[in-house]
Amino acid sequence: MASSNFMKAEDVAEELGISQAYAYKIIRQLNAELEKKGIITLAGRVSRRYFTERLCYGEVDAKTEERRG
């Protein structure tokens, strides 16, 4: 499947090596932060870009996106 702009709980869990239940908790927290900024969010999914910026990966560049894709 083509790389998506959004990550599901299973993607977050795999990336961080955590349970899906905890991944949902992280997604809710990140989406709450985005909503405070006035950004529309999707329940159970988080922006891949925002996830990588907030979880110590820093800003995502095009080359990083291609490698992950």
PDB file of N, CA and C in Angstrom:
ATOM      1  N   MET A   1       0.839  -1.176   0.000  1.00  0.00           N
ATOM      2  CA  MET A   1       0.000   0.000   0.000  1.00  0.00           C
ATOM      3  C   MET A   1       0.889   1.246   0.000  1.00  0.00           C
ATOM      4  N   ALA A   2       0.447   2.275  -0.658  1.00  0.00           N
ATOM      5  CA  ALA A   2       1.214   3.523  -0.740  1.00  0.00           C
ATOM      6  C   ALA A   2       1.320   4.168   0.633  1.00  0.00           C
ATOM      7  N   SER A   3       2.403   4.898   0.830  1.00  0.00           N
ATOM      8  CA  SER A   3       2.613   5.587   2.090  1.00  0.00           C
ATOM      9  C   SER A   3       1.504   6.600   2.319  1.00  0.00           C
ATOM     10  N   SER A   4       1.016   6.648   3.530  1.00  0.00           N
ATOM     11  CA  SER A   4      -0.083   7.543   3.872  1.00  0.00           C
ATOM     12  C   SER A   4       0.443   8.730   4.659  1.00  0.00           C
ATOM     13  N   ASN A   5      -0.291   9.815   4.609  1.00  0.00           N
ATOM     14  CA  ASN A   5       0.053  10.986   5.408  1.00  0.00           C
ATOM     15  C   ASN A   5      -0.324  10.798   6.867  1.00  0.00           C
ATOM     16  N   PHE A   6      -1.082   9.736   7.160  1.00  0.00           N
ATOM     17  CA  PHE A   6      -1.534   9.478   8.512  1.00  0.00           C
ATOM     18  C   PHE A   6      -1.071   8.111   8.986  1.00  0.00           C
ATOM     19  N   MET A   7      -0.884   8.014  10.291  1.00  0.00           N
ATOM     20  CA  MET A   7      -0.492   6.750  10.915  1.00  0.00           C
ATOM     21  C   MET A   7      -1.652   6.246  11.762  1.00  0.00           C
ATOM     22  N   LYS A   8      -1.885   4.940  11.698  1.00  0.00           N
ATOM     23  CA  LYS A   8      -2.876   4.294  12.547  1.00  0.00           C
ATOM     24  C   LYS A   8      -2.180   3.852  13.830  1.00  0.00           C
ATOM     25  N   ALA A   9      -2.978   3.395  14.796  1.00  0.00           N
ATOM     26  CA  ALA A   9      -2.416   2.942  16.073  1.00  0.00           C
ATOM     27  C   ALA A   9      -1.426   1.806  15.874  1.00  0.00           C
ATOM     28  N   GLU A  10      -1.706   0.914  14.951  1.00  0.00           N
ATOM     29  CA  GLU A  10      -0.774  -0.204  14.734  1.00  0.00           C
ATOM     30  C   GLU A  10       0.563   0.295  14.192  1.00  0.00           C
ATOM     31  N   ASP A  11       0.541   1.357  13.378  1.00  0.00           N
ATOM     32  CA  ASP A  11       1.785   1.941  12.865  1.00  0.00           C
ATOM     33  C   ASP A  11       2.581   2.593  13.997  1.00  0.00           C
ATOM     34  N   VAL A  12       1.881   3.339  14.850  1.00  0.00           N
ATOM     35  CA  VAL A  12       2.530   4.002  15.986  1.00  0.00           C
ATOM     36  C   VAL A  12       3.110   2.961  16.936  1.00  0.00           C
ATOM     37  N   ALA A  13       2.333   1.917  17.214  1.00  0.00           N
ATOM     38  CA  ALA A  13       2.786   0.855  18.122  1.00  0.00           C
ATOM     39  C   ALA A  13       4.042   0.182  17.580  1.00  0.00           C
ATOM     40  N   GLU A  14       4.049  -0.097  16.292  1.00  0.00           N
ATOM     41  CA  GLU A  14       5.210  -0.750  15.680  1.00  0.00           C
ATOM     42  C   GLU A  14       6.430   0.172  15.702  1.00  0.00           C
ATOM     43  N   GLU A  15       6.219   1.430  15.371  1.00  0.00           N
ATOM     44  CA  GLU A  15       7.320   2.395  15.322  1.00  0.00           C
ATOM     45  C   GLU A  15       7.985   2.565  16.687  1.00  0.00           C
ATOM     46  N   LEU A  16       7.165   2.585  17.752  1.00  0.00           N
ATOM     47  CA  LEU A  16       7.687   2.840  19.093  1.00  0.00           C
ATOM     48  C   LEU A  16       7.905   1.574  19.920  1.00  0.00           C
ATOM     49  N   GLY A  17       7.467   0.438  19.426  1.00  0.00           N
ATOM     50  CA  GLY A  17       7.618  -0.814  20.176  1.00  0.00           C
ATOM     51  C   GLY A  17       6.750  -0.847  21.419  1.00  0.00           C
ATOM     52  N   ILE A  18       5.499  -0.388  21.274  1.00  0.00           N
ATOM     53  CA  ILE A  18       4.567  -0.326  22.402  1.00  0.00           C
ATOM     54  C   ILE A  18       3.278  -1.052  22.030  1.00  0.00           C
ATOM     55  N   SER A  19       2.376  -1.183  23.007  1.00  0.00           N
ATOM     56  CA  SER A  19       1.087  -1.819  22.738  1.00  0.00           C
ATOM     57  C   SER A  19       0.194  -0.885  21.928  1.00  0.00           C
ATOM     58  N   GLN A  20      -0.798  -1.465  21.272  1.00  0.00           N
ATOM     59  CA  GLN A  20      -1.743  -0.647  20.516  1.00  0.00           C
ATOM     60  C   GLN A  20      -2.571   0.232  21.443  1.00  0.00           C
ATOM     61  N   ALA A  21      -2.870  -0.258  22.634  1.00  0.00           N
ATOM     62  CA  ALA A  21      -3.635   0.548  23.590  1.00  0.00           C
ATOM     63  C   ALA A  21      -2.871   1.824  23.951  1.00  0.00           C
ATOM     64  N   TYR A  22      -1.579   1.699  24.182  1.00  0.00           N
ATOM     65  CA  TYR A  22      -0.776   2.880  24.505  1.00  0.00           C
ATOM     66  C   TYR A  22      -0.603   3.773  23.285  1.00  0.00           C
ATOM     67  N   ALA A  23      -0.541   3.170  22.110  1.00  0.00           N
ATOM     68  CA  ALA A  23      -0.446   3.941  20.868  1.00  0.00           C
ATOM     69  C   ALA A  23      -1.680   4.824  20.697  1.00  0.00           C
ATOM     70  N   TYR A  24      -2.857   4.285  21.017  1.00  0.00           N
ATOM     71  CA  TYR A  24      -4.082   5.094  20.944  1.00  0.00           C
ATOM     72  C   TYR A  24      -4.012   6.274  21.906  1.00  0.00           C
ATOM     73  N   LYS A  25      -3.438   6.057  23.077  1.00  0.00           N
ATOM     74  CA  LYS A  25      -3.294   7.134  24.058  1.00  0.00           C
ATOM     75  C   LYS A  25      -2.396   8.240  23.496  1.00  0.00           C
ATOM     76  N   ILE A  26      -1.311   7.866  22.872  1.00  0.00           N
ATOM     77  CA  ILE A  26      -0.401   8.845  22.275  1.00  0.00           C
ATOM     78  C   ILE A  26      -1.093   9.593  21.140  1.00  0.00           C
ATOM     79  N   ILE A  27      -1.842   8.870  20.312  1.00  0.00           N
ATOM     80  CA  ILE A  27      -2.566   9.501  19.215  1.00  0.00           C
ATOM     81  C   ILE A  27      -3.561  10.523  19.756  1.00  0.00           C
ATOM     82  N   ARG A  28      -4.285  10.170  20.801  1.00  0.00           N
ATOM     83  CA  ARG A  28      -5.241  11.124  21.399  1.00  0.00           C
ATOM     84  C   ARG A  28      -4.522  12.369  21.899  1.00  0.00           C
ATOM     85  N   GLN A  29      -3.368  12.194  22.521  1.00  0.00           N
ATOM     86  CA  GLN A  29      -2.611  13.338  23.033  1.00  0.00           C
ATOM     87  C   GLN A  29      -2.125  14.233  21.891  1.00  0.00           C
ATOM     88  N   LEU A  30      -1.562  13.628  20.859  1.00  0.00           N
ATOM     89  CA  LEU A  30      -1.071  14.408  19.724  1.00  0.00           C
ATOM     90  C   LEU A  30      -2.216  15.121  19.010  1.00  0.00           C
ATOM     91  N   ASN A  31      -3.341  14.432  18.844  1.00  0.00           N
ATOM     92  CA  ASN A  31      -4.483  15.057  18.187  1.00  0.00           C
ATOM     93  C   ASN A  31      -5.055  16.196  19.027  1.00  0.00           C
ATOM     94  N   ALA A  32      -5.020  16.066  20.354  1.00  0.00           N
ATOM     95  CA  ALA A  32      -5.478  17.160  21.219  1.00  0.00           C
ATOM     96  C   ALA A  32      -4.598  18.389  21.029  1.00  0.00           C
ATOM     97  N   GLU A  33      -3.303  18.170  20.901  1.00  0.00           N
ATOM     98  CA  GLU A  33      -2.382  19.285  20.658  1.00  0.00           C
ATOM     99  C   GLU A  33      -2.700  19.966  19.321  1.00  0.00           C
ATOM    100  N   LEU A  34      -2.964  19.161  18.306  1.00  0.00           N
ATOM    101  CA  LEU A  34      -3.284  19.714  16.996  1.00  0.00           C
ATOM    102  C   LEU A  34      -4.604  20.475  17.012  1.00  0.00           C
ATOM    103  N   GLU A  35      -5.592  19.942  17.735  1.00  0.00           N
ATOM    104  CA  GLU A  35      -6.888  20.607  17.821  1.00  0.00           C
ATOM    105  C   GLU A  35      -6.767  21.967  18.502  1.00  0.00           C
ATOM    106  N   LYS A  36      -5.897  22.076  19.495  1.00  0.00           N
ATOM    107  CA  LYS A  36      -5.672  23.371  20.156  1.00  0.00           C
ATOM    108  C   LYS A  36      -5.107  24.390  19.183  1.00  0.00           C
ATOM    109  N   LYS A  37      -4.410  23.902  18.152  1.00  0.00           N
ATOM    110  CA  LYS A  37      -3.851  24.784  17.129  1.00  0.00           C
ATOM    111  C   LYS A  37      -4.868  25.072  16.029  1.00  0.00           C
ATOM    112  N   GLY A  38      -6.068  24.499  16.158  1.00  0.00           N
ATOM    113  CA  GLY A  38      -7.115  24.724  15.173  1.00  0.00           C
ATOM    114  C   GLY A  38      -7.062  23.807  13.975  1.00  0.00           C
ATOM    115  N   ILE A  39      -6.343  22.707  14.102  1.00  0.00           N
ATOM    116  CA  ILE A  39      -6.190  21.764  12.987  1.00  0.00           C
ATOM    117  C   ILE A  39      -7.205  20.637  13.148  1.00  0.00           C
ATOM    118  N   ILE A  40      -7.854  20.288  12.062  1.00  0.00           N
ATOM    119  CA  ILE A  40      -8.821  19.192  12.068  1.00  0.00           C
ATOM    120  C   ILE A  40      -8.066  17.874  12.164  1.00  0.00           C
ATOM    121  N   THR A  41      -8.550  16.963  12.999  1.00  0.00           N
ATOM    122  CA  THR A  41      -7.894  15.666  13.189  1.00  0.00           C
ATOM    123  C   THR A  41      -8.858  14.534  12.875  1.00  0.00           C
ATOM    124  N   LEU A  42      -8.320  13.337  12.749  1.00  0.00           N
ATOM    125  CA  LEU A  42      -9.110  12.130  12.530  1.00  0.00           C
ATOM    126  C   LEU A  42      -8.914  11.215  13.734  1.00  0.00           C
ATOM    127  N   ALA A  43     -10.010  10.750  14.293  1.00  0.00           N
ATOM    128  CA  ALA A  43      -9.931   9.852  15.449  1.00  0.00           C
ATOM    129  C   ALA A  43      -9.183   8.577  15.067  1.00  0.00           C
ATOM    130  N   GLY A  44      -8.255   8.161  15.916  1.00  0.00           N
ATOM    131  CA  GLY A  44      -7.522   6.923  15.689  1.00  0.00           C
ATOM    132  C   GLY A  44      -6.384   7.029  14.698  1.00  0.00           C
ATOM    133  N   ARG A  45      -6.138   8.235  14.191  1.00  0.00           N
ATOM    134  CA  ARG A  45      -5.028   8.454  13.257  1.00  0.00           C
ATOM    135  C   ARG A  45      -4.340   9.751  13.617  1.00  0.00           C
ATOM    136  N   VAL A  46      -3.057   9.806  13.278  1.00  0.00           N
ATOM    137  CA  VAL A  46      -2.288  11.015  13.562  1.00  0.00           C
ATOM    138  C   VAL A  46      -1.437  11.350  12.339  1.00  0.00           C
ATOM    139  N   SER A  47      -1.231  12.607  12.135  1.00  0.00           N
ATOM    140  CA  SER A  47      -0.394  13.062  11.030  1.00  0.00           C
ATOM    141  C   SER A  47       1.010  12.476  11.178  1.00  0.00           C
ATOM    142  N   ARG A  48       1.488  11.848  10.127  1.00  0.00           N
ATOM    143  CA  ARG A  48       2.833  11.255  10.154  1.00  0.00           C
ATOM    144  C   ARG A  48       3.879  12.337  10.416  1.00  0.00           C
ATOM    145  N   ARG A  49       3.714  13.478   9.782  1.00  0.00           N
ATOM    146  CA  ARG A  49       4.670  14.584   9.941  1.00  0.00           C
ATOM    147  C   ARG A  49       4.685  15.070  11.396  1.00  0.00           C
ATOM    148  N   TYR A  50       3.505  15.290  11.980  1.00  0.00           N
ATOM    149  CA  TYR A  50       3.453  15.781  13.352  1.00  0.00           C
ATOM    150  C   TYR A  50       4.025  14.730  14.321  1.00  0.00           C
ATOM    151  N   PHE A  51       3.706  13.469  14.083  1.00  0.00           N
ATOM    152  CA  PHE A  51       4.235  12.388  14.912  1.00  0.00           C
ATOM    153  C   PHE A  51       5.762  12.413  14.931  1.00  0.00           C
ATOM    154  N   THR A  52       6.362  12.505  13.755  1.00  0.00           N
ATOM    155  CA  THR A  52       7.823  12.465  13.694  1.00  0.00           C
ATOM    156  C   THR A  52       8.448  13.716  14.301  1.00  0.00           C
ATOM    157  N   GLU A  53       7.800  14.858  14.149  1.00  0.00           N
ATOM    158  CA  GLU A  53       8.334  16.085  14.750  1.00  0.00           C
ATOM    159  C   GLU A  53       8.252  16.053  16.270  1.00  0.00           C
ATOM    160  N   ARG A  54       7.156  15.554  16.818  1.00  0.00           N
ATOM    161  CA  ARG A  54       6.948  15.570  18.268  1.00  0.00           C
ATOM    162  C   ARG A  54       7.698  14.461  19.000  1.00  0.00           C
ATOM    163  N   LEU A  55       7.954  13.359  18.344  1.00  0.00           N
ATOM    164  CA  LEU A  55       8.593  12.240  19.029  1.00  0.00           C
ATOM    165  C   LEU A  55      10.067  12.144  18.696  1.00  0.00           C
ATOM    166  N   CYS A  56      10.767  13.230  18.921  1.00  0.00           N
ATOM    167  CA  CYS A  56      12.228  13.324  18.896  1.00  0.00           C
ATOM    168  C   CYS A  56      12.899  12.951  17.583  1.00  0.00           C
ATOM    169  N   TYR A  57      12.147  12.877  16.510  1.00  0.00           N
ATOM    170  CA  TYR A  57      12.773  12.615  15.224  1.00  0.00           C
ATOM    171  C   TYR A  57      13.159  13.909  14.528  1.00  0.00           C
ATOM    172  N   GLY A  58      12.629  15.022  14.991  1.00  0.00           N
ATOM    173  CA  GLY A  58      12.897  16.301  14.356  1.00  0.00           C
ATOM    174  C   GLY A  58      12.047  16.468  13.113  1.00  0.00           C
ATOM    175  N   GLU A  59      12.374  17.464  12.329  1.00  0.00           N
ATOM    176  CA  GLU A  59      11.600  17.720  11.126  1.00  0.00           C
ATOM    177  C   GLU A  59      11.855  16.646  10.088  1.00  0.00           C
ATOM    178  N   VAL A  60      10.822  16.327   9.344  1.00  0.00           N
ATOM    179  CA  VAL A  60      10.915  15.308   8.316  1.00  0.00           C
ATOM    180  C   VAL A  60      11.263  15.979   6.995  1.00  0.00           C
ATOM    181  N   ASP A  61      12.267  15.439   6.340  1.00  0.00           N
ATOM    182  CA  ASP A  61      12.582  15.950   5.013  1.00  0.00           C
ATOM    183  C   ASP A  61      12.124  14.929   3.972  1.00  0.00           C
ATOM    184  N   ALA A  62      12.170  15.287   2.736  1.00  0.00           N
ATOM    185  CA  ALA A  62      11.685  14.428   1.654  1.00  0.00           C
ATOM    186  C   ALA A  62      12.436  13.108   1.602  1.00  0.00           C
ATOM    187  N   LYS A  63      13.730  13.102   1.856  1.00  0.00           N
ATOM    188  CA  LYS A  63      14.506  11.866   1.796  1.00  0.00           C
ATOM    189  C   LYS A  63      14.084  10.909   2.898  1.00  0.00           C
ATOM    190  N   THR A  64      13.809  11.418   4.090  1.00  0.00           N
ATOM    191  CA  THR A  64      13.361  10.571   5.184  1.00  0.00           C
ATOM    192  C   THR A  64      12.019   9.959   4.837  1.00  0.00           C
ATOM    193  N   GLU A  65      11.110  10.750   4.279  1.00  0.00           N
ATOM    194  CA  GLU A  65       9.795  10.259   3.888  1.00  0.00           C
ATOM    195  C   GLU A  65       9.933   9.123   2.873  1.00  0.00           C
ATOM    196  N   GLU A  66      10.834   9.267   1.908  1.00  0.00           N
ATOM    197  CA  GLU A  66      11.009   8.247   0.886  1.00  0.00           C
ATOM    198  C   GLU A  66      11.516   6.943   1.480  1.00  0.00           C
ATOM    199  N   ARG A  67      12.449   7.028   2.416  1.00  0.00           N
ATOM    200  CA  ARG A  67      13.003   5.822   3.037  1.00  0.00           C
ATOM    201  C   ARG A  67      11.937   5.099   3.844  1.00  0.00           C
ATOM    202  N   ARG A  68      11.063   5.834   4.517  1.00  0.00           N
ATOM    203  CA  ARG A  68      10.024   5.227   5.345  1.00  0.00           C
ATOM    204  C   ARG A  68       8.903   4.621   4.504  1.00  0.00           C
ATOM    205  N   GLY A  69       8.636   5.259   3.368  1.00  0.00           N
ATOM    206  CA  GLY A  69       7.511   4.903   2.505  1.00  0.00           C
ATOM    207  C   GLY A  69       7.488   3.494   2.098  1.00  0.00           C
TER     208      GLY A  69
END
